[in-house]
C-alpha cells in the first residue's frame, strides 16, 4: 500500500471519530506544503489542542489556543513546525516597532530622492 493511500485512510478514520470537546479538527489539505519526512503531532492526532508556552520577551505564561493554531497553520500558512513565541502584548509592541522603523526608512528614502532631483 502506498504512503498516499495510507495517509488518506487515516484521514477518513479521523473524520469518522468525533472531535473531543474544546479541540479543533485539522484540515490537512489546507496546511502549507513542507518538505519534511515527519508529520507534526497535531496532524497525527487529527486535531489542535491548547498549548502552553512562555513569552520569550516578558516571560509570562500564556496559552496558544487551538483556534489560533488552526488560523496560523491553515489560513496564515505558517510552517507546521513553528509555534507561539510572543504573547499578544509583546507581539503588538514588536509590530509597532517594525512599522515605525519602516516609516522612518521610507521617509529617509523619500528625502534622498527629493534631494537628488
PDB file of N, CA and C in Angstrom:
ATOM      1  N   UNK A   1       0.846  -1.175   0.000  1.00  0.00           N
ATOM      2  CA  UNK A   1       0.000   0.000   0.000  1.00  0.00           C
ATOM      3  C   UNK A   1       0.897   1.246   0.000  1.00  0.00           C
ATOM      4  N   UNK A   2       0.559   2.202  -0.837  1.00  0.00           N
ATOM      5  CA  UNK A   2       1.377   3.404  -0.932  1.00  0.00           C
ATOM      6  C   UNK A   2       1.162   4.300   0.284  1.00  0.00           C
ATOM      7  N   UNK A   3       2.138   5.150   0.516  1.00  0.00           N
ATOM      8  CA  UNK A   3       2.077   6.080   1.640  1.00  0.00           C
ATOM      9  C   UNK A   3       0.888   7.036   1.482  1.00  0.00           C
ATOM     10  N   UNK A   4       0.604   7.423   0.258  1.00  0.00           N
ATOM     11  CA  UNK A   4      -0.511   8.327  -0.008  1.00  0.00           C
ATOM     12  C   UNK A   4      -1.843   7.692   0.384  1.00  0.00           C
ATOM     13  N   UNK A   5      -2.039   6.425   0.015  1.00  0.00           N
ATOM     14  CA  UNK A   5      -3.276   5.710   0.361  1.00  0.00           C
ATOM     15  C   UNK A   5      -3.393   5.531   1.872  1.00  0.00           C
ATOM     16  N   UNK A   6      -2.257   5.269   2.522  1.00  0.00           N
ATOM     17  CA  UNK A   6      -2.243   5.086   3.966  1.00  0.00           C
ATOM     18  C   UNK A   6      -2.677   6.368   4.678  1.00  0.00           C
ATOM     19  N   UNK A   7      -2.119   7.507   4.239  1.00  0.00           N
ATOM     20  CA  UNK A   7      -2.492   8.788   4.826  1.00  0.00           C
ATOM     21  C   UNK A   7      -3.961   9.110   4.575  1.00  0.00           C
ATOM     22  N   UNK A   8      -4.426   8.810   3.370  1.00  0.00           N
ATOM     23  CA  UNK A   8      -5.813   9.071   3.031  1.00  0.00           C
ATOM     24  C   UNK A   8      -6.741   8.236   3.919  1.00  0.00           C
ATOM     25  N   UNK A   9      -6.367   7.003   4.172  1.00  0.00           N
ATOM     26  CA  UNK A   9      -7.152   6.145   5.056  1.00  0.00           C
ATOM     27  C   UNK A   9      -7.195   6.676   6.472  1.00  0.00           C
ATOM     28  N   UNK A  10      -6.064   7.193   6.947  1.00  0.00           N
ATOM     29  CA  UNK A  10      -6.012   7.773   8.295  1.00  0.00           C
ATOM     30  C   UNK A  10      -6.930   8.974   8.400  1.00  0.00           C
ATOM     31  N   UNK A  11      -6.939   9.814   7.349  1.00  0.00           N
ATOM     32  CA  UNK A  11      -7.811  10.990   7.357  1.00  0.00           C
ATOM     33  C   UNK A  11      -9.277  10.582   7.437  1.00  0.00           C
ATOM     34  N   UNK A  12      -9.650   9.551   6.686  1.00  0.00           N
ATOM     35  CA  UNK A  12     -11.038   9.101   6.698  1.00  0.00           C
ATOM     36  C   UNK A  12     -11.432   8.568   8.065  1.00  0.00           C
ATOM     37  N   UNK A  13     -10.537   7.852   8.724  1.00  0.00           N
ATOM     38  CA  UNK A  13     -10.823   7.343  10.060  1.00  0.00           C
ATOM     39  C   UNK A  13     -11.005   8.508  11.023  1.00  0.00           C
ATOM     40  N   UNK A  14     -10.150   9.551  10.905  1.00  0.00           N
ATOM     41  CA  UNK A  14     -10.250  10.704  11.794  1.00  0.00           C
ATOM     42  C   UNK A  14     -11.569  11.437  11.600  1.00  0.00           C
ATOM     43  N   UNK A  15     -12.046  11.511  10.360  1.00  0.00           N
ATOM     44  CA  UNK A  15     -13.305  12.210  10.099  1.00  0.00           C
ATOM     45  C   UNK A  15     -14.484  11.496  10.744  1.00  0.00           C
ATOM     46  N   UNK A  16     -14.396  10.182  10.845  1.00  0.00           N
ATOM     47  CA  UNK A  16     -15.494   9.407  11.412  1.00  0.00           C
ATOM     48  C   UNK A  16     -15.548   9.515  12.928  1.00  0.00           C
ATOM     49  N   UNK A  17     -14.392   9.696  13.572  1.00  0.00           N
ATOM     50  CA  UNK A  17     -14.375   9.781  15.031  1.00  0.00           C
ATOM     51  C   UNK A  17     -14.720  11.198  15.457  1.00  0.00           C
ATOM     52  N   UNK A  18     -15.509  11.358  16.517  1.00  0.00           N
ATOM     53  CA  UNK A  18     -15.868  12.713  16.956  1.00  0.00           C
ATOM     54  C   UNK A  18     -14.673  13.431  17.567  1.00  0.00           C
ATOM     55  N   UNK A  19     -14.627  14.747  17.361  1.00  0.00           N
ATOM     56  CA  UNK A  19     -13.565  15.574  17.940  1.00  0.00           C
ATOM     57  C   UNK A  19     -13.855  15.781  19.424  1.00  0.00           C
ATOM     58  N   UNK A  20     -12.850  15.590  20.294  1.00  0.00           N
ATOM     59  CA  UNK A  20     -13.066  15.848  21.723  1.00  0.00           C
ATOM     60  C   UNK A  20     -13.473  17.305  21.966  1.00  0.00           C
ATOM     61  N   UNK A  21     -14.249  17.516  22.992  1.00  0.00           N
ATOM     62  CA  UNK A  21     -14.760  18.853  23.321  1.00  0.00           C
ATOM     63  C   UNK A  21     -13.606  19.824  23.610  1.00  0.00           C
ATOM     64  N   UNK A  22     -13.708  21.031  23.062  1.00  0.00           N
ATOM     65  CA  UNK A  22     -12.703  22.059  23.301  1.00  0.00           C
ATOM     66  C   UNK A  22     -11.507  21.983  22.356  1.00  0.00           C
ATOM     67  N   UNK A  23     -11.510  21.042  21.427  1.00  0.00           N
ATOM     68  CA  UNK A  23     -10.416  20.888  20.468  1.00  0.00           C
ATOM     69  C   UNK A  23     -10.920  21.226  19.079  1.00  0.00           C
ATOM     70  N   UNK A  24     -10.003  21.528  18.164  1.00  0.00           N
ATOM     71  CA  UNK A  24     -10.373  21.933  16.813  1.00  0.00           C
ATOM     72  C   UNK A  24      -9.782  20.946  15.810  1.00  0.00           C
ATOM     73  N   UNK A  25     -10.589  20.465  14.907  1.00  0.00           N
ATOM     74  CA  UNK A  25     -10.195  19.473  13.911  1.00  0.00           C
ATOM     75  C   UNK A  25      -9.206  20.078  12.901  1.00  0.00           C
ATOM     76  N   UNK A  26      -8.215  19.285  12.472  1.00  0.00           N
ATOM     77  CA  UNK A  26      -7.212  19.708  11.494  1.00  0.00           C
ATOM     78  C   UNK A  26      -7.724  19.437  10.082  1.00  0.00           C
ATOM     79  N   UNK A  27      -7.564  20.404   9.203  1.00  0.00           N
ATOM     80  CA  UNK A  27      -7.844  20.220   7.782  1.00  0.00           C
ATOM     81  C   UNK A  27      -6.484  20.077   7.094  1.00  0.00           C
ATOM     82  N   UNK A  28      -6.048  18.854   6.874  1.00  0.00           N
ATOM     83  CA  UNK A  28      -4.711  18.581   6.354  1.00  0.00           C
ATOM     84  C   UNK A  28      -4.511  19.199   4.976  1.00  0.00           C
ATOM     85  N   UNK A  29      -5.564  19.251   4.178  1.00  0.00           N
ATOM     86  CA  UNK A  29      -5.451  19.797   2.823  1.00  0.00           C
ATOM     87  C   UNK A  29      -5.185  21.300   2.814  1.00  0.00           C
ATOM     88  N   UNK A  30      -5.516  21.999   3.906  1.00  0.00           N
ATOM     89  CA  UNK A  30      -5.321  23.450   3.970  1.00  0.00           C
ATOM     90  C   UNK A  30      -3.947  23.839   4.489  1.00  0.00           C
ATOM     91  N   UNK A  31      -3.159  22.889   4.966  1.00  0.00           N
ATOM     92  CA  UNK A  31      -1.833  23.200   5.504  1.00  0.00           C
ATOM     93  C   UNK A  31      -0.872  23.580   4.384  1.00  0.00           C
ATOM     94  N   UNK A  32       0.090  24.429   4.719  1.00  0.00           N
ATOM     95  CA  UNK A  32       1.123  24.803   3.758  1.00  0.00           C
ATOM     96  C   UNK A  32       2.006  23.585   3.490  1.00  0.00           C
ATOM     97  N   UNK A  33       2.448  23.404   2.254  1.00  0.00           N
ATOM     98  CA  UNK A  33       3.316  22.259   1.971  1.00  0.00           C
ATOM     99  C   UNK A  33       4.651  22.393   2.690  1.00  0.00           C
ATOM    100  N   UNK A  34       5.195  21.263   3.130  1.00  0.00           N
ATOM    101  CA  UNK A  34       6.521  21.273   3.739  1.00  0.00           C
ATOM    102  C   UNK A  34       7.313  20.083   3.219  1.00  0.00           C
ATOM    103  N   UNK A  35       8.592  20.176   3.299  1.00  0.00           N
ATOM    104  CA  UNK A  35       9.470  19.133   2.767  1.00  0.00           C
ATOM    105  C   UNK A  35      10.058  18.284   3.882  1.00  0.00           C
ATOM    106  N   UNK A  36       9.238  17.934   4.849  1.00  0.00           N
ATOM    107  CA  UNK A  36       9.714  17.153   5.967  1.00  0.00           C
ATOM    108  C   UNK A  36       9.332  15.692   5.789  1.00  0.00           C
ATOM    109  N   UNK A  37      10.163  14.806   6.310  1.00  0.00           N
ATOM    110  CA  UNK A  37       9.844  13.387   6.254  1.00  0.00           C
ATOM    111  C   UNK A  37       8.862  13.004   7.359  1.00  0.00           C
ATOM    112  N   UNK A  38       8.760  13.830   8.381  1.00  0.00           N
ATOM    113  CA  UNK A  38       7.886  13.527   9.504  1.00  0.00           C
ATOM    114  C   UNK A  38       6.543  14.210   9.368  1.00  0.00           C
ATOM    115  N   UNK A  39       5.675  13.905  10.301  1.00  0.00           N
ATOM    116  CA  UNK A  39       4.348  14.504  10.352  1.00  0.00           C
ATOM    117  C   UNK A  39       4.204  15.173  11.718  1.00  0.00           C
ATOM    118  N   UNK A  40       3.754  16.424  11.763  1.00  0.00           N
ATOM    119  CA  UNK A  40       3.585  17.097  13.056  1.00  0.00           C
ATOM    120  C   UNK A  40       2.605  16.340  13.952  1.00  0.00           C
ATOM    121  N   UNK A  41       2.751  16.512  15.240  1.00  0.00           N
ATOM    122  CA  UNK A  41       1.917  15.779  16.198  1.00  0.00           C
ATOM    123  C   UNK A  41       0.440  16.103  16.042  1.00  0.00           C
ATOM    124  N   UNK A  42       0.117  17.385  15.755  1.00  0.00           N
ATOM    125  CA  UNK A  42      -1.296  17.730  15.634  1.00  0.00           C
ATOM    126  C   UNK A  42      -1.941  17.076  14.411  1.00  0.00           C
ATOM    127  N   UNK A  43      -1.155  16.799  13.382  1.00  0.00           N
ATOM    128  CA  UNK A  43      -1.693  16.103  12.213  1.00  0.00           C
ATOM    129  C   UNK A  43      -1.932  14.631  12.551  1.00  0.00           C
ATOM    130  N   UNK A  44      -0.997  14.027  13.291  1.00  0.00           N
ATOM    131  CA  UNK A  44      -1.178  12.638  13.718  1.00  0.00           C
ATOM    132  C   UNK A  44      -2.427  12.488  14.580  1.00  0.00           C
ATOM    133  N   UNK A  45      -2.626  13.440  15.508  1.00  0.00           N
ATOM    134  CA  UNK A  45      -3.797  13.401  16.390  1.00  0.00           C
ATOM    135  C   UNK A  45      -5.077  13.652  15.622  1.00  0.00           C
ATOM    136  N   UNK A  46      -4.995  14.563  14.633  1.00  0.00           N
ATOM    137  CA  UNK A  46      -6.177  14.929  13.870  1.00  0.00           C
ATOM    138  C   UNK A  46      -6.878  16.165  14.405  1.00  0.00           C
ATOM    139  N   UNK A  47      -6.343  16.773  15.443  1.00  0.00           N
ATOM    140  CA  UNK A  47      -6.952  17.976  15.995  1.00  0.00           C
ATOM    141  C   UNK A  47      -5.894  18.814  16.706  1.00  0.00           C
ATOM    142  N   UNK A  48      -6.220  20.113  16.832  1.00  0.00           N
ATOM    143  CA  UNK A  48      -5.364  21.037  17.571  1.00  0.00           C
ATOM    144  C   UNK A  48      -5.820  21.043  19.020  1.00  0.00           C
ATOM    145  N   UNK A  49      -4.876  21.203  19.931  1.00  0.00           N
ATOM    146  CA  UNK A  49      -5.212  21.358  21.340  1.00  0.00           C
ATOM    147  C   UNK A  49      -4.452  22.553  21.890  1.00  0.00           C
ATOM    148  N   UNK A  50      -4.958  23.142  22.967  1.00  0.00           N
ATOM    149  CA  UNK A  50      -4.303  24.297  23.578  1.00  0.00           C
ATOM    150  C   UNK A  50      -2.893  23.920  24.030  1.00  0.00           C
ATOM    151  N   UNK A  51      -1.923  24.796  23.716  1.00  0.00           N
ATOM    152  CA  UNK A  51      -0.522  24.537  24.040  1.00  0.00           C
ATOM    153  C   UNK A  51       0.008  25.664  24.933  1.00  0.00           C
ATOM    154  N   UNK A  52       0.480  25.348  26.128  1.00  0.00           N
ATOM    155  CA  UNK A  52       1.068  26.392  26.968  1.00  0.00           C
ATOM    156  C   UNK A  52       2.464  26.766  26.476  1.00  0.00           C
ATOM    157  N   UNK A  53       2.806  28.039  26.605  1.00  0.00           N
ATOM    158  CA  UNK A  53       4.153  28.499  26.241  1.00  0.00           C
ATOM    159  C   UNK A  53       4.513  29.690  27.105  1.00  0.00           C
ATOM    160  N   UNK A  54       5.795  30.027  27.133  1.00  0.00           N
ATOM    161  CA  UNK A  54       6.287  31.177  27.870  1.00  0.00           C
ATOM    162  C   UNK A  54       6.771  32.218  26.864  1.00  0.00           C
ATOM    163  N   UNK A  55       6.317  33.447  27.019  1.00  0.00           N
ATOM    164  CA  UNK A  55       6.707  34.529  26.114  1.00  0.00           C
ATOM    165  C   UNK A  55       8.223  34.734  26.219  1.00  0.00           C
ATOM    166  N   UNK A  56       8.883  34.797  25.087  1.00  0.00           N
ATOM    167  CA  UNK A  56      10.336  34.936  25.089  1.00  0.00           C
ATOM    168  C   UNK A  56      10.778  36.360  25.417  1.00  0.00           C
ATOM    169  N   UNK A  57       9.856  37.308  25.391  1.00  0.00           N
ATOM    170  CA  UNK A  57      10.210  38.685  25.674  1.00  0.00           C
ATOM    171  C   UNK A  57       9.973  39.056  27.144  1.00  0.00           C
ATOM    172  N   UNK A  58       8.785  38.735  27.673  1.00  0.00           N
ATOM    173  CA  UNK A  58       8.442  39.155  29.038  1.00  0.00           C
ATOM    174  C   UNK A  58       8.316  37.988  30.019  1.00  0.00           C
ATOM    175  N   UNK A  59       8.541  36.771  29.571  1.00  0.00           N
ATOM    176  CA  UNK A  59       8.498  35.562  30.404  1.00  0.00           C
ATOM    177  C   UNK A  59       7.143  35.289  31.056  1.00  0.00           C
ATOM    178  N   UNK A  60       6.060  35.794  30.460  1.00  0.00           N
ATOM    179  CA  UNK A  60       4.736  35.496  31.013  1.00  0.00           C
ATOM    180  C   UNK A  60       4.250  34.146  30.477  1.00  0.00           C
ATOM    181  N   UNK A  61       3.484  33.456  31.296  1.00  0.00           N
ATOM    182  CA  UNK A  61       2.929  32.162  30.902  1.00  0.00           C
ATOM    183  C   UNK A  61       1.666  32.422  30.094  1.00  0.00           C
ATOM    184  N   UNK A  62       1.593  31.847  28.909  1.00  0.00           N
ATOM    185  CA  UNK A  62       0.465  32.053  28.011  1.00  0.00           C
ATOM    186  C   UNK A  62      -0.023  30.712  27.479  1.00  0.00           C
ATOM    187  N   UNK A  63      -1.171  30.720  26.816  1.00  0.00           N
ATOM    188  CA  UNK A  63      -1.706  29.518  26.166  1.00  0.00           C
ATOM    189  C   UNK A  63      -2.010  29.859  24.720  1.00  0.00           C
ATOM    190  N   UNK A  64      -1.471  29.048  23.812  1.00  0.00           N
ATOM    191  CA  UNK A  64      -1.757  29.195  22.381  1.00  0.00           C
ATOM    192  C   UNK A  64      -2.975  28.343  22.101  1.00  0.00           C
ATOM    193  N   UNK A  65      -4.112  28.986  21.913  1.00  0.00           N
ATOM    194  CA  UNK A  65      -5.395  28.307  21.772  1.00  0.00           C
ATOM    195  C   UNK A  65      -5.477  27.507  20.478  1.00  0.00           C
ATOM    196  N   UNK A  66      -6.296  26.473  20.489  1.00  0.00           N
ATOM    197  CA  UNK A  66      -6.468  25.593  19.332  1.00  0.00           C
ATOM    198  C   UNK A  66      -6.972  26.373  18.121  1.00  0.00           C
ATOM    199  N   UNK A  67      -7.903  27.293  18.324  1.00  0.00           N
ATOM    200  CA  UNK A  67      -8.440  28.087  17.211  1.00  0.00           C
ATOM    201  C   UNK A  67      -7.364  28.991  16.616  1.00  0.00           C
ATOM    202  N   UNK A  68      -6.471  29.527  17.462  1.00  0.00           N
ATOM    203  CA  UNK A  68      -5.370  30.356  16.966  1.00  0.00           C
ATOM    204  C   UNK A  68      -4.402  29.517  16.133  1.00  0.00           C
ATOM    205  N   UNK A  69      -4.150  28.296  16.581  1.00  0.00           N
ATOM    206  CA  UNK A  69      -3.268  27.397  15.832  1.00  0.00           C
ATOM    207  C   UNK A  69      -3.863  27.073  14.470  1.00  0.00           C
ATOM    208  N   UNK A  70      -5.167  26.797  14.452  1.00  0.00           N
ATOM    209  CA  UNK A  70      -5.830  26.483  13.183  1.00  0.00           C
ATOM    210  C   UNK A  70      -5.660  27.640  12.206  1.00  0.00           C
ATOM    211  N   UNK A  71      -5.872  28.881  12.703  1.00  0.00           N
ATOM    212  CA  UNK A  71      -5.697  30.030  11.822  1.00  0.00           C
ATOM    213  C   UNK A  71      -4.247  30.110  11.342  1.00  0.00           C
ATOM    214  N   UNK A  72      -3.285  29.987  12.245  1.00  0.00           N
ATOM    215  CA  UNK A  72      -1.876  30.128  11.885  1.00  0.00           C
ATOM    216  C   UNK A  72      -1.452  29.110  10.827  1.00  0.00           C
ATOM    217  N   UNK A  73      -1.796  27.862  11.034  1.00  0.00           N
ATOM    218  CA  UNK A  73      -1.342  26.807  10.133  1.00  0.00           C
ATOM    219  C   UNK A  73      -2.150  26.726   8.842  1.00  0.00           C
ATOM    220  N   UNK A  74      -3.455  26.924   8.891  1.00  0.00           N
ATOM    221  CA  UNK A  74      -4.305  26.684   7.726  1.00  0.00           C
ATOM    222  C   UNK A  74      -4.637  27.946   6.943  1.00  0.00           C
ATOM    223  N   UNK A  75      -4.843  29.066   7.613  1.00  0.00           N
ATOM    224  CA  UNK A  75      -5.178  30.310   6.920  1.00  0.00           C
ATOM    225  C   UNK A  75      -3.918  31.125   6.659  1.00  0.00           C
ATOM    226  N   UNK A  76      -3.110  31.311   7.716  1.00  0.00           N
ATOM    227  CA  UNK A  76      -1.875  32.088   7.589  1.00  0.00           C
ATOM    228  C   UNK A  76      -0.750  31.327   6.911  1.00  0.00           C
ATOM    229  N   UNK A  77      -0.942  30.018   6.711  1.00  0.00           N
ATOM    230  CA  UNK A  77       0.053  29.144   6.058  1.00  0.00           C
ATOM    231  C   UNK A  77       1.393  29.170   6.767  1.00  0.00           C
ATOM    232  N   UNK A  78       1.364  29.195   8.098  1.00  0.00           N
ATOM    233  CA  UNK A  78       2.589  29.146   8.892  1.00  0.00           C
ATOM    234  C   UNK A  78       3.250  27.787   8.795  1.00  0.00           C
ATOM    235  N   UNK A  79       4.549  27.758   9.010  1.00  0.00           N
ATOM    236  CA  UNK A  79       5.301  26.498   8.947  1.00  0.00           C
ATOM    237  C   UNK A  79       4.777  25.556  10.034  1.00  0.00           C
ATOM    238  N   UNK A  80       4.547  24.292   9.678  1.00  0.00           N
ATOM    239  CA  UNK A  80       3.901  23.346  10.594  1.00  0.00           C
ATOM    240  C   UNK A  80       4.748  23.000  11.811  1.00  0.00           C
ATOM    241  N   UNK A  81       6.034  23.297  11.791  1.00  0.00           N
ATOM    242  CA  UNK A  81       6.881  23.029  12.955  1.00  0.00           C
ATOM    243  C   UNK A  81       7.187  24.302  13.741  1.00  0.00           C
ATOM    244  N   UNK A  82       6.492  25.411  13.431  1.00  0.00           N
ATOM    245  CA  UNK A  82       6.673  26.637  14.198  1.00  0.00           C
ATOM    246  C   UNK A  82       5.652  26.677  15.331  1.00  0.00           C
ATOM    247  N   UNK A  83       5.901  27.528  16.289  1.00  0.00           N
ATOM    248  CA  UNK A  83       4.991  27.638  17.426  1.00  0.00           C
ATOM    249  C   UNK A  83       4.944  29.056  17.944  1.00  0.00           C
ATOM    250  N   UNK A  84       4.086  29.287  18.916  1.00  0.00           N
ATOM    251  CA  UNK A  84       3.947  30.612  19.512  1.00  0.00           C
ATOM    252  C   UNK A  84       5.210  30.961  20.289  1.00  0.00           C
ATOM    253  N   UNK A  85       5.613  32.216  20.196  1.00  0.00           N
ATOM    254  CA  UNK A  85       6.838  32.665  20.842  1.00  0.00           C
ATOM    255  C   UNK A  85       6.599  33.895  21.714  1.00  0.00           C
ATOM    256  N   UNK A  86       5.736  34.803  21.253  1.00  0.00           N
ATOM    257  CA  UNK A  86       5.465  36.043  21.965  1.00  0.00           C
ATOM    258  C   UNK A  86       4.004  36.108  22.396  1.00  0.00           C
ATOM    259  N   UNK A  87       3.755  36.733  23.552  1.00  0.00           N
ATOM    260  CA  UNK A  87       2.376  36.961  23.992  1.00  0.00           C
ATOM    261  C   UNK A  87       1.776  38.076  23.119  1.00  0.00           C
ATOM    262  N   UNK A  88       0.488  38.269  23.225  1.00  0.00           N
ATOM    263  CA  UNK A  88      -0.203  39.249  22.386  1.00  0.00           C
ATOM    264  C   UNK A  88       0.348  40.659  22.597  1.00  0.00           C
ATOM    265  N   UNK A  89       0.601  41.054  23.827  1.00  0.00           N
ATOM    266  CA  UNK A  89       1.116  42.397  24.128  1.00  0.00           C
ATOM    267  C   UNK A  89       2.487  42.616  23.494  1.00  0.00           C
ATOM    268  N   UNK A  90       3.382  41.654  23.658  1.00  0.00           N
ATOM    269  CA  UNK A  90       4.730  41.778  23.088  1.00  0.00           C
ATOM    270  C   UNK A  90       4.694  41.720  21.565  1.00  0.00           C
ATOM    271  N   UNK A  91       3.777  40.920  21.017  1.00  0.00           N
ATOM    272  CA  UNK A  91       3.647  40.836  19.564  1.00  0.00           C
ATOM    273  C   UNK A  91       3.174  42.172  18.998  1.00  0.00           C
ATOM    274  N   UNK A  92       2.197  42.801  19.643  1.00  0.00           N
ATOM    275  CA  UNK A  92       1.716  44.122  19.199  1.00  0.00           C
ATOM    276  C   UNK A  92       2.835  45.167  19.302  1.00  0.00           C
ATOM    277  N   UNK A  93       3.612  45.126  20.399  1.00  0.00           N
ATOM    278  CA  UNK A  93       4.727  46.056  20.578  1.00  0.00           C
ATOM    279  C   UNK A  93       5.755  45.873  19.456  1.00  0.00           C
ATOM    280  N   UNK A  94       6.071  44.632  19.112  1.00  0.00           N
ATOM    281  CA  UNK A  94       7.034  44.343  18.042  1.00  0.00           C
ATOM    282  C   UNK A  94       6.509  44.810  16.688  1.00  0.00           C
ATOM    283  N   UNK A  95       5.221  44.607  16.428  1.00  0.00           N
ATOM    284  CA  UNK A  95       4.627  45.082  15.174  1.00  0.00           C
ATOM    285  C   UNK A  95       4.702  46.598  15.076  1.00  0.00           C
ATOM    286  N   UNK A  96       4.432  47.294  16.186  1.00  0.00           N
ATOM    287  CA  UNK A  96       4.511  48.757  16.193  1.00  0.00           C
ATOM    288  C   UNK A  96       5.948  49.226  15.982  1.00  0.00           C
ATOM    289  N   UNK A  97       6.900  48.532  16.596  1.00  0.00           N
ATOM    290  CA  UNK A  97       8.315  48.886  16.415  1.00  0.00           C
ATOM    291  C   UNK A  97       8.721  48.733  14.955  1.00  0.00           C
ATOM    292  N   UNK A  98       8.331  47.627  14.338  1.00  0.00           N
ATOM    293  CA  UNK A  98       8.660  47.406  12.918  1.00  0.00           C
ATOM    294  C   UNK A  98       8.005  48.434  12.014  1.00  0.00           C
ATOM    295  N   UNK A  99       6.740  48.766  12.298  1.00  0.00           N
ATOM    296  CA  UNK A  99       6.034  49.757  11.485  1.00  0.00           C
ATOM    297  C   UNK A  99       6.715  51.119  11.595  1.00  0.00           C
ATOM    298  N   UNK A 100       7.144  51.485  12.790  1.00  0.00           N
ATOM    299  CA  UNK A 100       7.858  52.748  12.971  1.00  0.00           C
ATOM    300  C   UNK A 100       9.188  52.760  12.233  1.00  0.00           C
ATOM    301  N   UNK A 101       9.927  51.663  12.301  1.00  0.00           N
ATOM    302  CA  UNK A 101      11.209  51.566  11.598  1.00  0.00           C
ATOM    303  C   UNK A 101      11.001  51.636  10.090  1.00  0.00           C
ATOM    304  N   UNK A 102       9.950  50.988   9.602  1.00  0.00           N
ATOM    305  CA  UNK A 102       9.646  51.020   8.166  1.00  0.00           C
ATOM    306  C   UNK A 102       9.292  52.434   7.726  1.00  0.00           C
ATOM    307  N   UNK A 103       8.478  53.139   8.551  1.00  0.00           N
ATOM    308  CA  UNK A 103       8.086  54.509   8.241  1.00  0.00           C
ATOM    309  C   UNK A 103       9.307  55.424   8.170  1.00  0.00           C
ATOM    310  N   UNK A 104      10.205  55.321   9.144  1.00  0.00           N
ATOM    311  CA  UNK A 104      11.425  56.144   9.162  1.00  0.00           C
ATOM    312  C   UNK A 104      12.295  55.837   7.949  1.00  0.00           C
ATOM    313  N   UNK A 105      12.407  54.575   7.610  1.00  0.00           N
ATOM    314  CA  UNK A 105      13.205  54.163   6.452  1.00  0.00           C
ATOM    315  C   UNK A 105      12.643  54.771   5.166  1.00  0.00           C
ATOM    316  N   UNK A 106      11.323  54.658   4.983  1.00  0.00           N
ATOM    317  CA  UNK A 106      10.703  55.181   3.763  1.00  0.00           C
ATOM    318  C   UNK A 106      10.775  56.702   3.695  1.00  0.00           C
ATOM    319  N   UNK A 107      10.668  57.378   4.839  1.00  0.00           N
ATOM    320  CA  UNK A 107      10.820  58.837   4.853  1.00  0.00           C
ATOM    321  C   UNK A 107      12.234  59.238   4.448  1.00  0.00           C
ATOM    322  N   UNK A 108      13.223  58.471   4.915  1.00  0.00           N
ATOM    323  CA  UNK A 108      14.610  58.749   4.540  1.00  0.00           C
ATOM    324  C   UNK A 108      14.846  58.561   3.050  1.00  0.00           C
ATOM    325  N   UNK A 109      14.265  57.520   2.487  1.00  0.00           N
ATOM    326  CA  UNK A 109      14.392  57.291   1.037  1.00  0.00           C
ATOM    327  C   UNK A 109      13.727  58.423   0.267  1.00  0.00           C
ATOM    328  N   UNK A 110      12.538  58.850   0.728  1.00  0.00           N
ATOM    329  CA  UNK A 110      11.839  59.951   0.042  1.00  0.00           C
ATOM    330  C   UNK A 110      12.661  61.223   0.104  1.00  0.00           C
ATOM    331  N   UNK A 111      13.277  61.547   1.257  1.00  0.00           N
ATOM    332  CA  UNK A 111      14.135  62.735   1.374  1.00  0.00           C
ATOM    333  C   UNK A 111      15.328  62.650   0.440  1.00  0.00           C
ATOM    334  N   UNK A 112      15.923  61.472   0.359  1.00  0.00           N
ATOM    335  CA  UNK A 112      17.086  61.298  -0.502  1.00  0.00           C
ATOM    336  C   UNK A 112      16.717  61.485  -1.962  1.00  0.00           C
ATOM    337  N   UNK A 113      15.585  60.938  -2.359  1.00  0.00           N
ATOM    338  CA  UNK A 113      15.134  61.100  -3.761  1.00  0.00           C
ATOM    339  C   UNK A 113      14.809  62.564  -4.062  1.00  0.00           C
ATOM    340  N   UNK A 114      14.191  63.255  -3.114  1.00  0.00           N
ATOM    341  CA  UNK A 114      13.865  64.668  -3.305  1.00  0.00           C
ATOM    342  C   UNK A 114      15.145  65.500  -3.404  1.00  0.00           C
ATOM    343  N   UNK A 115      16.152  65.144  -2.642  1.00  0.00           N
ATOM    344  CA  UNK A 115      17.429  65.850  -2.647  1.00  0.00           C
ATOM    345  C   UNK A 115      18.203  65.609  -3.936  1.00  0.00           C
ATOM    346  N   UNK A 116      18.102  64.384  -4.476  1.00  0.00           N
ATOM    347  CA  UNK A 116      18.846  64.023  -5.686  1.00  0.00           C
ATOM    348  C   UNK A 116      18.260  64.622  -6.945  1.00  0.00           C
ATOM    349  N   UNK A 117      16.990  65.001  -6.913  1.00  0.00           N
ATOM    350  CA  UNK A 117      16.387  65.537  -8.141  1.00  0.00           C
ATOM    351  C   UNK A 117      16.492  67.018  -8.260  1.00  0.00           C
TER     352      UNK A 117
END
